[in-house]
Amino acid sequence: MSGGDQGWQVGDLALCVADRGWWDCYNRPAKEPRPGSVHRVESIYGEAGFRFLRFKEFGDCGYVTSAFRKIDPHTRDAEDDETIALLNRAPMRTPEPVS
């Protein structure tokens, strides 16, 4: 899913999926954002069906939402705990057997 149907909010992480040239808000060629780059949404403007995201690192210019995919926050789970323990070389707790 990409574009305006993702429920964008300030603070969301946006993955650039556009592989096209950009023009900044002053109608000059721009090199950013690049495909695969991730940016934090600073503000959102426009109306339904034609919305734009602003990112701090790019000033006042906005970028059409359809050029980005929202990165959903990750919820920590048991696999994360196991990975962290392995990275820290700490012994893992043995889970209780389920009856």
C-alpha atoms as a PDB file:
ATOM      1  CA  MET A   1       0.000   0.000   0.000  1.00  0.00           C
ATOM      2  CA  SER A   2       1.331   3.435  -0.829  1.00  0.00           C
ATOM      3  CA  GLY A   3       0.082   6.985  -1.019  1.00  0.00           C
ATOM      4  CA  GLY A   4      -2.643   8.838   0.806  1.00  0.00           C
ATOM      5  CA  ASP A   5      -4.517   5.726   1.975  1.00  0.00           C
ATOM      6  CA  GLN A   6      -1.973   4.925   4.689  1.00  0.00           C
ATOM      7  CA  GLY A   7      -3.226   7.211   7.462  1.00  0.00           C
ATOM      8  CA  TRP A   8      -0.088   9.365   7.512  1.00  0.00           C
ATOM      9  CA  GLN A   9       0.729  11.155  10.776  1.00  0.00           C
ATOM     10  CA  VAL A  10       3.493  13.508  11.862  1.00  0.00           C
ATOM     11  CA  GLY A  11       6.397  11.403  13.157  1.00  0.00           C
ATOM     12  CA  ASP A  12       5.769   8.443  10.819  1.00  0.00           C
ATOM     13  CA  LEU A  13       8.716   6.925   8.971  1.00  0.00           C
ATOM     14  CA  ALA A  14       8.390   7.088   5.175  1.00  0.00           C
ATOM     15  CA  LEU A  15      10.259   4.844   2.745  1.00  0.00           C
ATOM     16  CA  CYS A  16      10.795   6.461  -0.664  1.00  0.00           C
ATOM     17  CA  VAL A  17       9.608   4.088  -3.411  1.00  0.00           C
ATOM     18  CA  ALA A  18       9.664   6.581  -6.298  1.00  0.00           C
ATOM     19  CA  ASP A  19      12.190   6.033  -9.029  1.00  0.00           C
ATOM     20  CA  ARG A  20      11.763   9.325 -10.832  1.00  0.00           C
ATOM     21  CA  GLY A  21      13.241  12.786 -10.912  1.00  0.00           C
ATOM     22  CA  TRP A  22      12.178  15.335  -8.320  1.00  0.00           C
ATOM     23  CA  TRP A  23      11.578  19.052  -8.629  1.00  0.00           C
ATOM     24  CA  ASP A  24      11.707  21.130  -5.466  1.00  0.00           C
ATOM     25  CA  CYS A  25       9.040  23.637  -4.462  1.00  0.00           C
ATOM     26  CA  TYR A  26      10.970  26.348  -6.328  1.00  0.00           C
ATOM     27  CA  ASN A  27      10.773  24.326  -9.596  1.00  0.00           C
ATOM     28  CA  ARG A  28      14.463  23.383  -9.533  1.00  0.00           C
ATOM     29  CA  PRO A  29      15.746  19.832 -10.096  1.00  0.00           C
ATOM     30  CA  ALA A  30      16.288  18.051  -6.770  1.00  0.00           C
ATOM     31  CA  LYS A  31      18.391  14.950  -5.994  1.00  0.00           C
ATOM     32  CA  GLU A  32      16.500  13.859  -2.899  1.00  0.00           C
ATOM     33  CA  PRO A  33      14.731  11.855  -1.672  1.00  0.00           C
ATOM     34  CA  ARG A  34      16.290   8.805  -3.272  1.00  0.00           C
ATOM     35  CA  PRO A  35      14.561   5.441  -3.743  1.00  0.00           C
ATOM     36  CA  GLY A  36      15.075   3.308  -0.636  1.00  0.00           C
ATOM     37  CA  SER A  37      15.800   6.260   1.652  1.00  0.00           C
ATOM     38  CA  VAL A  38      13.848   6.622   4.909  1.00  0.00           C
ATOM     39  CA  HIS A  39      12.645   9.938   6.320  1.00  0.00           C
ATOM     40  CA  ARG A  40      10.584  11.077   9.324  1.00  0.00           C
ATOM     41  CA  VAL A  41       7.405  12.997   8.435  1.00  0.00           C
ATOM     42  CA  GLU A  42       7.600  16.569   9.748  1.00  0.00           C
ATOM     43  CA  SER A  43       4.195  17.734   8.467  1.00  0.00           C
ATOM     44  CA  ILE A  44       1.391  16.783   6.076  1.00  0.00           C
ATOM     45  CA  TYR A  45      -0.661  19.079   3.890  1.00  0.00           C
ATOM     46  CA  GLY A  46      -3.120  18.984   1.013  1.00  0.00           C
ATOM     47  CA  GLU A  47      -6.543  17.452   0.651  1.00  0.00           C
ATOM     48  CA  ALA A  48      -7.782  13.882   0.372  1.00  0.00           C
ATOM     49  CA  GLY A  49      -6.427  12.300  -2.789  1.00  0.00           C
ATOM     50  CA  PHE A  50      -3.712  14.929  -3.214  1.00  0.00           C
ATOM     51  CA  ARG A  51      -1.587  15.031  -0.065  1.00  0.00           C
ATOM     52  CA  PHE A  52       2.053  15.883   0.488  1.00  0.00           C
ATOM     53  CA  LEU A  53       4.648  14.985   3.108  1.00  0.00           C
ATOM     54  CA  ARG A  54       7.288  17.390   4.395  1.00  0.00           C
ATOM     55  CA  PHE A  55      10.584  16.226   5.843  1.00  0.00           C
ATOM     56  CA  LYS A  56      12.875  18.356   8.009  1.00  0.00           C
ATOM     57  CA  GLU A  57      15.971  17.612   5.925  1.00  0.00           C
ATOM     58  CA  PHE A  58      14.325  18.990   2.756  1.00  0.00           C
ATOM     59  CA  GLY A  59      13.020  22.309   4.088  1.00  0.00           C
ATOM     60  CA  ASP A  60       9.623  23.629   3.033  1.00  0.00           C
ATOM     61  CA  CYS A  61       9.198  21.372   0.011  1.00  0.00           C
ATOM     62  CA  GLY A  62       6.527  18.689   0.065  1.00  0.00           C
ATOM     63  CA  TYR A  63       6.520  15.325  -1.658  1.00  0.00           C
ATOM     64  CA  VAL A  64       3.453  13.487  -2.937  1.00  0.00           C
ATOM     65  CA  THR A  65       2.387  10.655  -0.620  1.00  0.00           C
ATOM     66  CA  SER A  66       2.153   8.118  -3.461  1.00  0.00           C
ATOM     67  CA  ALA A  67       5.967   8.196  -3.688  1.00  0.00           C
ATOM     68  CA  PHE A  68       6.305   6.737  -0.164  1.00  0.00           C
ATOM     69  CA  ARG A  69       5.331   3.706   1.885  1.00  0.00           C
ATOM     70  CA  LYS A  70       4.642   4.065   5.579  1.00  0.00           C
ATOM     71  CA  ILE A  71       6.951   1.983   7.788  1.00  0.00           C
ATOM     72  CA  ASP A  72       4.856   0.527  10.580  1.00  0.00           C
ATOM     73  CA  PRO A  73       6.392   0.593  14.060  1.00  0.00           C
ATOM     74  CA  HIS A  74       7.788  -2.724  15.275  1.00  0.00           C
ATOM     75  CA  THR A  75       6.372  -4.323  18.408  1.00  0.00           C
ATOM     76  CA  ARG A  76       8.987  -6.110  20.491  1.00  0.00           C
ATOM     77  CA  ASP A  77       8.476  -9.871  20.750  1.00  0.00           C
ATOM     78  CA  ALA A  78      10.219 -13.021  22.048  1.00  0.00           C
ATOM     79  CA  GLU A  79      12.386 -13.272  18.928  1.00  0.00           C
ATOM     80  CA  ASP A  80      13.750  -9.793  19.645  1.00  0.00           C
ATOM     81  CA  ASP A  81      14.610 -10.825  23.211  1.00  0.00           C
ATOM     82  CA  GLU A  82      16.409 -13.935  21.932  1.00  0.00           C
ATOM     83  CA  THR A  83      18.370 -11.917  19.367  1.00  0.00           C
ATOM     84  CA  ILE A  84      19.394  -9.327  21.959  1.00  0.00           C
ATOM     85  CA  ALA A  85      20.488 -12.083  24.352  1.00  0.00           C
ATOM     86  CA  LEU A  86      22.575 -13.702  21.611  1.00  0.00           C
ATOM     87  CA  LEU A  87      24.154 -10.381  20.722  1.00  0.00           C
ATOM     88  CA  ASN A  88      24.960  -9.761  24.376  1.00  0.00           C
ATOM     89  CA  ARG A  89      26.091 -13.392  24.788  1.00  0.00           C
ATOM     90  CA  ALA A  90      23.748 -13.737  27.736  1.00  0.00           C
ATOM     91  CA  PRO A  91      22.124 -17.093  28.466  1.00  0.00           C
ATOM     92  CA  MET A  92      18.466 -17.315  27.454  1.00  0.00           C
ATOM     93  CA  ARG A  93      15.814 -18.203  29.969  1.00  0.00           C
ATOM     94  CA  THR A  94      14.398 -21.648  29.426  1.00  0.00           C
ATOM     95  CA  PRO A  95      10.692 -21.301  28.691  1.00  0.00           C
ATOM     96  CA  GLU A  96       8.253 -23.048  30.988  1.00  0.00           C
ATOM     97  CA  PRO A  97       6.823 -26.210  29.374  1.00  0.00           C
ATOM     98  CA  VAL A  98       3.239 -25.850  28.250  1.00  0.00           C
ATOM     99  CA  SER A  99       0.896 -28.546  29.484  1.00  0.00           C
END
